[in-house]
Amino acid sequence: MKVDVILGLQWGDEGKGKIVDKLAPHYDVIARFQGGANAGHTINIKGDTHILHLIPSGIFHEDKINIIGNGVIVDPFILNKEITELKLKDVDATKNLFISKKAHLILPTHRVLDGIYERTRGDAKVGSTLKGIGPTYTDKAARNGIRIGDIIHPSFSSQYIALKEEHLRISRMFNCNPDDLPIDGLPFRDYEARWFDAIDRMRGLHLIDSEFFINKCLGENKSVLAEGAQGTMLDVDFGTYPYVTSSNTICSGVCSGLGVAPQMIGKVYGIIKAYTTRVGSGPFPTELMDDQGDLLRVKGHEYGSTTGRPRRCGWLDLVAVRYAVMLNGVSHLIMTKADVLNGFECIKVCKHYQINDQIIDHFPYCVIHEPVIPLYDELAGWKTDISRIEKFKEVPVEFMTYLRYIESSLGIKFVMVSTGSERDQMLISGEHL
């Protein structure tokens, strides 16, 4: 048995949560392998909206094991809040949620530093979610971090105090007092107190050596689905650096984020929106700064599920998607939010870039520094509401042409197409699932 992977091929917000929820019944284990509470995976079930930030999206299936892997960084306050909110909806996450002892903790002062760093960048802001992601991964790489397993060790308090003092020393260099930067609307000391309450609750959860647990599951022929957060173009190595997240969002991150060998990777499900969005700063070649961009935002309800910020919207960028397909070794293609394009007379797709009079079809390093002109192909839109269509053979000709155009450009077939926000609004190819 191998680990199948599901991840985004754009700048995040591709609708991964819904797809994981849809695939979860076919797997025994669902595992997050990177990122933190900067993720926001939205799932709509019978009109009820659930937004997950840390807990894997298979949590709504009671018989499935859900793992927060070692590559994830965990804010106990946010995790506790998420568990509590699920409990109010009759979902007891504590039963089938397992957390790697090697996952790192986000401290309250990590969030303070995140706010300080973003504020001091001025116009060069990267668009941080201010969840402490960057500072926590920095401490991890610098070997200063505190891990989940440490919370059950007698030295935890001294570890916490030492790292907190180091963070406060840095904040003083910026003439900043932690109380100047409320966290989630709370004064620092109040947030810290709730953070420690959440630590106490976390000690009662299933804390495991996840790499052994997952490999044991594979040895017992249990199926595992690795759930990615953010998107390929936000990968710290291969994304639009420095306007990226601080982890490896691509398929190779599964190996280091869960502790599985490369040869154990199986299917790779790559998800794209029918168009493109991104939150925060950074290059976005196909961004629409006009009424059509506004229409995509309104129809697609394009506001960050973690931050609430309006997303930048534009046409589908196949140059970036081809790049993502290559990096991830995508074997199965999935589209979300196809219904948002209902009613457009004309739909554009970027297939090449023009940079300094040169036409290219790959995603170059210089996209960070050079103006990019997207070169579009135009396709006819469809004027049919596809949100209630249940079979591929029933979709409008224009929509099928759009799908086939993308498939031929990428050399991969669509196995699923989401046509609405609800769990069951999904077209599935006959040979899949």
Protein backbone atom coordinates (compact mmCIF):
# COMPACT_ATOMS: atom_id res chain seq x y z
CA MET A 1 0.00 0.00 0.00
CA LYS A 2 1.24 3.51 -0.83
CA VAL A 3 0.48 7.05 0.29
CA ASP A 4 -1.75 8.98 -2.10
CA VAL A 5 -1.37 12.75 -2.06
CA ILE A 6 -3.78 15.62 -2.58
CA LEU A 7 -2.48 19.16 -3.01
CA GLY A 8 -3.13 22.49 -4.68
CA LEU A 9 -1.52 23.50 -7.97
CA GLN A 10 -2.00 27.26 -7.65
CA TRP A 11 -1.56 29.85 -4.87
CA GLY A 12 -3.72 27.95 -2.40
CA ASP A 13 -7.47 28.23 -1.79
CA GLU A 14 -8.18 25.60 -4.45
CA GLY A 15 -10.88 23.92 -2.36
CA LYS A 16 -8.79 21.03 -1.05
CA GLY A 17 -10.97 20.51 2.02
CA LYS A 18 -14.03 19.52 0.04
CA ILE A 19 -12.03 17.11 -2.10
CA VAL A 20 -10.36 15.45 0.88
CA ASP A 21 -13.77 15.07 2.50
CA LYS A 22 -15.04 13.47 -0.71
CA LEU A 23 -12.10 11.07 -1.01
CA ALA A 24 -11.89 10.24 2.71
CA PRO A 25 -14.38 7.34 2.62
CA HIS A 26 -11.94 5.48 0.37
CA TYR A 27 -9.02 5.76 2.82
CA ASP A 28 -8.24 4.52 6.31
CA VAL A 29 -5.93 7.39 7.30
CA ILE A 30 -5.91 11.10 6.38
CA ALA A 31 -2.75 12.99 7.34
CA ARG A 32 -1.72 16.66 7.13
CA PHE A 33 1.97 16.94 6.22
CA GLN A 34 2.85 20.66 6.38
CA GLY A 35 1.70 24.17 7.20
CA GLY A 36 -0.19 25.39 10.22
CA ALA A 37 -3.30 27.35 11.10
CA ASN A 38 -2.63 29.60 8.10
CA ALA A 39 -4.59 26.98 6.19
CA GLY A 40 -8.35 27.21 5.86
CA HIS A 41 -10.11 24.16 4.44
CA THR A 42 -13.84 24.78 3.98
CA ILE A 43 -16.35 21.93 3.83
CA ASN A 44 -20.10 22.37 3.32
CA ILE A 45 -22.27 19.51 4.55
CA LYS A 46 -26.04 19.79 4.21
CA GLY A 47 -25.94 23.56 4.33
CA ASP A 48 -23.60 23.69 7.33
CA THR A 49 -20.18 25.28 6.74
CA HIS A 50 -17.12 23.92 8.53
CA ILE A 51 -13.69 25.59 8.33
CA LEU A 52 -10.68 23.54 9.42
CA HIS A 53 -7.26 25.08 10.03
CA LEU A 54 -5.20 22.29 11.60
CA ILE A 55 -7.36 19.18 11.79
CA PRO A 56 -7.35 17.02 8.63
CA SER A 57 -10.47 17.20 6.49
CA GLY A 58 -11.33 13.56 7.06
CA ILE A 59 -12.49 14.31 10.61
CA PHE A 60 -16.18 14.18 9.62
CA HIS A 61 -15.86 10.46 8.94
CA GLU A 62 -15.88 8.81 12.38
CA ASP A 63 -14.17 5.60 11.29
CA LYS A 64 -11.13 7.36 9.79
CA ILE A 65 -7.83 8.06 11.52
CA ASN A 66 -6.75 11.70 11.18
CA ILE A 67 -3.09 12.60 11.78
CA ILE A 68 -1.36 15.94 12.21
CA GLY A 69 2.09 15.04 10.93
CA ASN A 70 5.54 16.11 12.07
CA GLY A 71 5.81 18.67 9.24
CA VAL A 72 2.86 20.65 10.62
CA ILE A 73 3.30 23.43 13.18
CA VAL A 74 0.60 23.60 15.83
CA ASP A 75 -0.90 26.48 17.79
CA PRO A 76 -2.58 24.77 20.78
CA PHE A 77 -4.99 27.69 21.25
CA ILE A 78 -6.30 27.40 17.69
CA LEU A 79 -6.38 23.60 17.82
CA ASN A 80 -8.38 23.68 21.07
CA LYS A 81 -10.80 26.21 19.58
CA GLU A 82 -11.23 24.00 16.52
CA ILE A 83 -11.90 20.90 18.62
CA THR A 84 -14.44 22.84 20.70
CA GLU A 85 -16.27 24.16 17.63
CA LEU A 86 -16.48 20.67 16.16
CA LYS A 87 -17.86 19.35 19.45
CA LEU A 88 -20.68 21.91 19.23
CA LYS A 89 -21.54 20.32 15.89
CA ASP A 90 -21.54 16.81 17.39
CA VAL A 91 -18.13 15.88 16.00
CA ASP A 92 -15.77 14.54 18.67
CA ALA A 93 -12.36 15.11 17.11
CA THR A 94 -10.53 13.73 20.14
CA LYS A 95 -11.56 10.17 19.30
CA ASN A 96 -9.76 9.81 15.98
CA LEU A 97 -7.24 12.67 15.96
CA PHE A 98 -3.58 11.77 16.38
CA ILE A 99 -0.74 14.31 16.63
CA SER A 100 2.93 13.75 15.92
CA LYS A 101 5.22 14.31 18.88
CA LYS A 102 7.72 15.76 16.40
CA ALA A 103 5.40 18.54 15.20
CA HIS A 104 6.55 21.96 16.42
CA LEU A 105 4.62 24.33 18.68
CA ILE A 106 3.65 27.88 17.74
CA LEU A 107 4.23 30.00 20.85
CA PRO A 108 2.33 33.21 21.57
CA THR A 109 5.57 35.12 21.04
CA HIS A 110 5.95 33.55 17.59
CA ARG A 111 2.76 35.38 16.65
CA VAL A 112 4.09 38.59 18.17
CA LEU A 113 7.25 38.32 16.06
CA ASP A 114 5.17 37.61 12.96
CA GLY A 115 3.30 40.86 13.48
CA ILE A 116 6.50 42.81 14.11
CA TYR A 117 8.26 41.48 11.03
CA GLU A 118 5.29 42.17 8.78
CA ARG A 119 4.83 45.67 10.14
CA THR A 120 8.48 46.60 9.64
CA ARG A 121 8.46 45.47 5.99
CA GLY A 122 6.30 48.44 5.03
CA ASP A 123 5.39 48.29 1.33
CA ALA A 124 7.35 45.02 0.98
CA LYS A 125 4.85 43.05 3.10
CA VAL A 126 4.54 39.40 2.09
CA GLY A 127 0.89 39.22 3.19
CA SER A 128 1.44 37.06 6.28
CA THR A 129 -1.62 35.56 7.95
CA LEU A 130 0.01 36.61 11.26
CA LYS A 131 -0.40 33.09 12.68
CA GLY A 132 3.29 32.79 13.64
CA ILE A 133 4.12 30.47 10.78
CA GLY A 134 7.38 32.03 9.57
CA PRO A 135 8.94 32.59 13.02
CA THR A 136 8.06 29.05 14.10
CA TYR A 137 9.62 27.44 11.04
CA THR A 138 12.61 29.75 11.57
CA ASP A 139 13.11 28.40 15.09
CA LYS A 140 12.66 24.86 13.79
CA ALA A 141 15.43 25.33 11.23
CA ALA A 142 17.63 27.10 13.77
CA ARG A 143 17.13 24.19 16.21
CA ASN A 144 15.52 26.40 18.82
CA GLY A 145 11.97 25.07 18.51
CA ILE A 146 9.76 23.28 21.00
CA ARG A 147 7.96 20.15 19.85
CA ILE A 148 4.67 18.56 20.85
CA GLY A 149 6.48 15.73 22.61
CA ASP A 150 8.15 18.26 24.90
CA ILE A 151 4.88 19.20 26.59
CA ILE A 152 4.88 15.92 28.54
CA HIS A 153 8.51 16.32 29.65
CA PRO A 154 9.45 17.97 32.98
CA SER A 155 11.70 20.47 31.17
CA PHE A 156 8.82 21.99 29.19
CA SER A 157 8.34 25.05 31.38
CA SER A 158 12.02 25.97 31.29
CA GLN A 159 12.12 25.43 27.52
CA TYR A 160 9.13 27.70 27.09
CA ILE A 161 10.54 30.46 29.28
CA ALA A 162 13.92 30.39 27.51
CA LEU A 163 12.41 30.65 24.03
CA LYS A 164 9.90 33.29 25.13
CA GLU A 165 12.70 35.42 26.57
CA GLU A 166 14.64 35.13 23.31
CA HIS A 167 11.59 36.31 21.39
CA LEU A 168 11.04 39.20 23.80
CA ARG A 169 14.67 40.23 23.37
CA ILE A 170 14.10 40.41 19.62
CA SER A 171 10.87 42.38 20.06
CA ARG A 172 12.70 44.92 22.23
CA MET A 173 15.16 45.44 19.36
CA PHE A 174 12.15 46.69 17.39
CA ASN A 175 10.97 48.83 20.32
CA CYS A 176 7.87 46.70 20.58
CA ASN A 177 6.01 45.48 23.64
CA PRO A 178 3.94 42.29 23.13
CA ASP A 179 0.90 44.11 24.49
CA ASP A 180 1.15 46.48 21.52
CA LEU A 181 0.14 43.59 19.23
CA PRO A 182 -3.04 41.83 20.42
CA ILE A 183 -3.38 38.21 19.29
CA ASP A 184 -6.80 37.30 17.92
CA GLY A 185 -8.12 40.39 19.69
CA LEU A 186 -6.73 39.37 23.07
CA PRO A 187 -4.00 41.09 25.13
CA PHE A 188 -0.81 39.04 25.15
CA ARG A 189 -1.14 37.82 28.75
CA ASP A 190 -4.75 36.70 28.21
CA TYR A 191 -3.81 34.85 25.04
CA GLU A 192 -0.84 33.24 26.78
CA ALA A 193 -3.06 32.03 29.63
CA ARG A 194 -5.51 30.43 27.19
CA TRP A 195 -2.55 28.98 25.29
CA PHE A 196 -1.42 27.15 28.44
CA ASP A 197 -4.97 25.95 29.09
CA ALA A 198 -4.92 24.50 25.59
CA ILE A 199 -1.56 22.85 26.30
CA ASP A 200 -3.15 21.07 29.26
CA ARG A 201 -5.94 19.79 27.04
CA MET A 202 -3.48 18.73 24.35
CA ARG A 203 -1.73 16.45 26.86
CA GLY A 204 -4.91 14.34 26.88
CA LEU A 205 -4.94 13.82 23.11
CA HIS A 206 -3.35 10.97 21.15
CA LEU A 207 0.31 12.02 20.88
CA ILE A 208 2.23 9.55 18.73
CA ASP A 209 5.47 8.78 16.93
CA SER A 210 3.65 9.42 13.68
CA GLU A 211 6.34 8.18 11.30
CA PHE A 212 6.21 4.69 12.86
CA PHE A 213 2.42 4.83 13.11
CA ILE A 214 1.96 5.67 9.43
CA ASN A 215 4.48 3.14 8.17
CA LYS A 216 2.86 0.49 10.36
CA CYS A 217 -0.49 1.35 8.80
CA LEU A 218 1.01 0.94 5.34
CA GLY A 219 2.52 -2.39 6.37
CA GLU A 220 -0.96 -3.51 7.42
CA ASN A 221 -2.32 -2.55 3.97
CA LYS A 222 -4.21 0.45 5.29
CA SER A 223 -4.69 3.24 2.76
CA VAL A 224 -3.29 6.70 3.54
CA LEU A 225 -4.21 10.06 2.00
CA ALA A 226 -1.76 12.92 2.59
CA GLU A 227 -3.49 16.31 2.72
CA GLY A 228 -1.54 19.41 1.69
CA ALA A 229 -2.18 22.98 2.75
CA GLN A 230 -1.65 26.26 0.83
CA GLY A 231 -0.58 25.60 -2.80
CA THR A 232 2.39 24.74 -4.99
CA MET A 233 3.08 28.35 -5.94
CA LEU A 234 3.53 29.16 -2.25
CA ASP A 235 6.24 26.53 -1.73
CA VAL A 236 9.21 28.03 0.11
CA ASP A 237 11.66 26.69 -2.50
CA PHE A 238 9.73 26.68 -5.76
CA GLY A 239 7.00 29.27 -5.26
CA THR A 240 7.05 33.01 -5.91
CA TYR A 241 9.63 33.65 -3.19
CA PRO A 242 9.64 35.67 -0.95
CA TYR A 243 5.86 35.89 -1.30
CA VAL A 244 5.41 32.32 -0.14
CA THR A 245 4.69 30.29 2.97
CA SER A 246 7.50 28.82 5.07
CA SER A 247 7.10 25.12 4.29
CA ASN A 248 7.35 22.74 1.35
CA THR A 249 3.82 22.54 -0.01
CA ILE A 250 4.72 20.20 -2.88
CA CYS A 251 4.62 16.41 -3.08
CA SER A 252 8.20 15.96 -1.85
CA GLY A 253 7.09 17.58 1.41
CA VAL A 254 5.05 14.46 2.15
CA CYS A 255 8.21 12.43 2.71
CA SER A 256 9.73 14.85 5.22
CA GLY A 257 6.37 15.91 6.66
CA LEU A 258 5.11 12.40 7.43
CA GLY A 259 8.24 10.27 7.50
CA VAL A 260 7.60 8.06 4.48
CA ALA A 261 10.07 7.02 1.80
CA PRO A 262 9.80 8.45 -1.75
CA GLN A 263 8.93 5.07 -3.25
CA MET A 264 5.89 4.95 -0.98
CA ILE A 265 4.15 7.78 -2.85
CA GLY A 266 1.26 6.57 -5.02
CA LYS A 267 -1.37 8.68 -6.76
CA VAL A 268 -0.94 12.43 -6.76
CA TYR A 269 -4.20 14.37 -6.99
CA GLY A 270 -3.60 17.93 -8.20
CA ILE A 271 -6.38 20.48 -7.67
CA ILE A 272 -6.97 23.63 -9.69
CA LYS A 273 -9.73 26.19 -9.60
CA ALA A 274 -11.48 26.90 -12.90
CA TYR A 275 -9.76 30.30 -12.61
CA THR A 276 -6.94 31.62 -10.40
CA THR A 277 -6.80 33.42 -7.06
CA ARG A 278 -4.19 34.40 -4.53
CA VAL A 279 -4.18 36.15 -1.16
CA GLY A 280 -1.46 38.56 -0.16
CA SER A 281 1.34 40.16 -2.11
CA GLY A 282 3.46 38.80 -4.93
CA PRO A 283 3.39 38.13 -8.68
CA PHE A 284 0.07 37.20 -10.24
CA PRO A 285 0.39 37.37 -14.05
CA THR A 286 -3.29 36.75 -14.90
CA GLU A 287 -4.79 39.03 -12.24
CA LEU A 288 -7.85 40.96 -13.41
CA MET A 289 -8.05 44.51 -12.10
CA ASP A 290 -11.43 45.15 -13.66
CA ASP A 291 -15.12 44.29 -13.47
CA GLN A 292 -14.49 40.68 -14.48
CA GLY A 293 -12.08 40.21 -11.60
CA ASP A 294 -14.67 41.71 -9.26
CA LEU A 295 -17.33 39.41 -10.69
CA LEU A 296 -15.15 36.34 -10.07
CA ARG A 297 -14.60 37.47 -6.49
CA VAL A 298 -18.31 38.00 -5.84
CA LYS A 299 -19.54 34.84 -7.58
CA GLY A 300 -16.80 32.71 -6.06
CA HIS A 301 -17.11 34.23 -2.57
CA GLU A 302 -13.38 34.79 -2.76
CA TYR A 303 -12.48 35.90 0.71
CA GLY A 304 -9.82 34.18 2.79
CA SER A 305 -11.27 31.50 5.10
CA THR A 306 -8.46 32.20 7.58
CA THR A 307 -8.02 35.97 7.26
CA GLY A 308 -11.25 37.17 5.63
CA ARG A 309 -9.16 39.20 3.17
CA PRO A 310 -10.52 39.60 -0.38
CA ARG A 311 -8.65 37.37 -2.79
CA ARG A 312 -7.07 38.65 -5.96
CA CYS A 313 -8.78 37.00 -8.94
CA GLY A 314 -7.80 36.24 -12.53
CA TRP A 315 -8.05 33.83 -15.42
CA LEU A 316 -6.61 30.33 -15.32
CA ASP A 317 -2.81 30.39 -15.67
CA LEU A 318 -1.68 27.19 -17.37
CA VAL A 319 1.96 28.29 -17.37
CA ALA A 320 1.96 28.18 -13.57
CA VAL A 321 -0.16 25.01 -13.49
CA ARG A 322 2.17 23.16 -15.89
CA TYR A 323 5.03 24.08 -13.58
CA ALA A 324 3.11 22.72 -10.60
CA VAL A 325 2.23 19.50 -12.44
CA MET A 326 5.92 18.95 -13.18
CA LEU A 327 7.05 19.60 -9.59
CA ASN A 328 4.45 17.30 -8.07
CA GLY A 329 4.29 14.47 -10.60
CA VAL A 330 0.51 14.89 -10.77
CA SER A 331 -1.28 11.75 -11.95
CA HIS A 332 -4.92 12.78 -11.42
CA LEU A 333 -6.43 16.21 -12.09
CA ILE A 334 -9.34 17.79 -10.19
CA MET A 335 -11.14 21.08 -10.85
CA THR A 336 -13.09 23.10 -8.30
CA LYS A 337 -15.49 26.05 -8.57
CA ALA A 338 -16.35 25.37 -12.20
CA ASP A 339 -19.83 26.78 -11.53
CA VAL A 340 -18.35 30.23 -10.84
CA LEU A 341 -17.73 30.60 -14.58
CA ASN A 342 -21.42 30.09 -15.38
CA GLY A 343 -22.67 32.95 -17.55
CA PHE A 344 -19.34 34.31 -18.84
CA GLU A 345 -19.59 35.06 -22.56
CA CYS A 346 -15.90 34.44 -23.07
CA ILE A 347 -13.38 32.60 -20.91
CA LYS A 348 -9.67 33.23 -21.23
CA VAL A 349 -6.80 30.88 -20.46
CA CYS A 350 -3.16 31.93 -20.25
CA LYS A 351 -0.97 29.47 -22.13
CA HIS A 352 2.22 31.56 -22.58
CA TYR A 353 3.98 34.55 -21.04
CA GLN A 354 5.67 37.42 -22.80
CA ILE A 355 8.67 38.81 -20.92
CA ASN A 356 10.89 41.45 -22.56
CA ASP A 357 9.61 40.56 -26.07
CA GLN A 358 10.32 36.87 -25.46
CA ILE A 359 7.46 34.37 -25.51
CA ILE A 360 7.88 31.51 -23.05
CA ASP A 361 5.76 28.61 -21.87
CA HIS A 362 7.54 27.90 -18.56
CA PHE A 363 7.42 29.63 -15.19
CA PRO A 364 10.70 31.58 -14.90
CA TYR A 365 12.71 32.90 -11.97
CA CYS A 366 12.46 36.44 -13.34
CA VAL A 367 8.66 36.55 -12.87
CA ILE A 368 9.49 38.03 -9.46
CA HIS A 369 11.35 40.98 -10.98
CA GLU A 370 10.12 41.47 -14.56
CA PRO A 371 6.71 42.58 -15.85
CA VAL A 372 4.86 39.63 -17.33
CA ILE A 373 2.30 39.89 -20.13
CA PRO A 374 -0.05 36.87 -20.16
CA LEU A 375 -0.92 35.61 -23.64
CA TYR A 376 -4.43 34.22 -23.76
CA ASP A 377 -6.46 31.76 -25.76
CA GLU A 378 -10.19 32.52 -25.73
CA LEU A 379 -12.93 29.94 -25.38
CA ALA A 380 -16.68 30.29 -25.55
CA GLY A 381 -18.43 30.35 -22.20
CA TRP A 382 -21.48 28.33 -21.26
CA LYS A 383 -24.81 29.82 -20.27
CA THR A 384 -26.11 26.80 -18.44
CA ASP A 385 -26.15 26.39 -14.68
CA ILE A 386 -23.94 23.35 -14.19
CA SER A 387 -24.37 23.22 -10.40
CA ARG A 388 -27.12 20.61 -10.57
CA ILE A 389 -25.64 18.46 -13.32
CA GLU A 390 -24.74 15.00 -12.02
CA LYS A 391 -22.97 13.34 -14.95
CA PHE A 392 -20.20 14.38 -17.31
CA LYS A 393 -22.30 13.40 -20.34
CA GLU A 394 -24.88 16.05 -19.37
CA VAL A 395 -22.54 19.07 -19.27
CA PRO A 396 -22.74 21.79 -21.96
CA VAL A 397 -20.51 21.38 -24.99
CA GLU A 398 -18.68 24.61 -24.18
CA PHE A 399 -17.82 23.40 -20.69
CA MET A 400 -16.57 20.06 -21.96
CA THR A 401 -14.45 21.93 -24.51
CA TYR A 402 -12.94 23.94 -21.67
CA LEU A 403 -12.06 20.76 -19.76
CA ARG A 404 -10.58 19.04 -22.81
CA TYR A 405 -8.52 22.14 -23.62
CA ILE A 406 -6.93 22.04 -20.17
CA GLU A 407 -6.41 18.28 -20.31
CA SER A 408 -4.63 18.48 -23.66
CA SER A 409 -2.43 21.31 -22.40
CA LEU A 410 -1.38 19.40 -19.29
CA GLY A 411 -1.47 15.83 -20.58
CA ILE A 412 -3.62 14.69 -17.63
CA LYS A 413 -7.29 13.75 -17.37
CA PHE A 414 -9.82 15.22 -14.97
CA VAL A 415 -11.17 12.63 -12.56
CA MET A 416 -13.37 15.00 -10.55
CA VAL A 417 -14.95 18.39 -11.17
CA SER A 418 -16.68 20.32 -8.38
CA THR A 419 -19.77 22.21 -9.54
CA GLY A 420 -20.82 23.78 -6.23
CA SER A 421 -19.92 24.16 -2.58
CA GLU A 422 -21.95 21.24 -1.25
CA ARG A 423 -20.32 17.85 -0.64
CA ASP A 424 -22.40 16.11 -3.34
CA GLN A 425 -22.02 18.74 -6.07
CA MET A 426 -19.36 16.77 -7.91
CA LEU A 427 -18.84 15.22 -11.32
CA ILE A 428 -16.79 12.04 -11.18
CA SER A 429 -15.36 10.26 -14.20
CA GLY A 430 -16.75 6.78 -14.76
CA GLU A 431 -13.45 4.96 -14.27
CA HIS A 432 -12.60 6.67 -10.97
CA LEU A 433 -13.90 5.82 -7.51
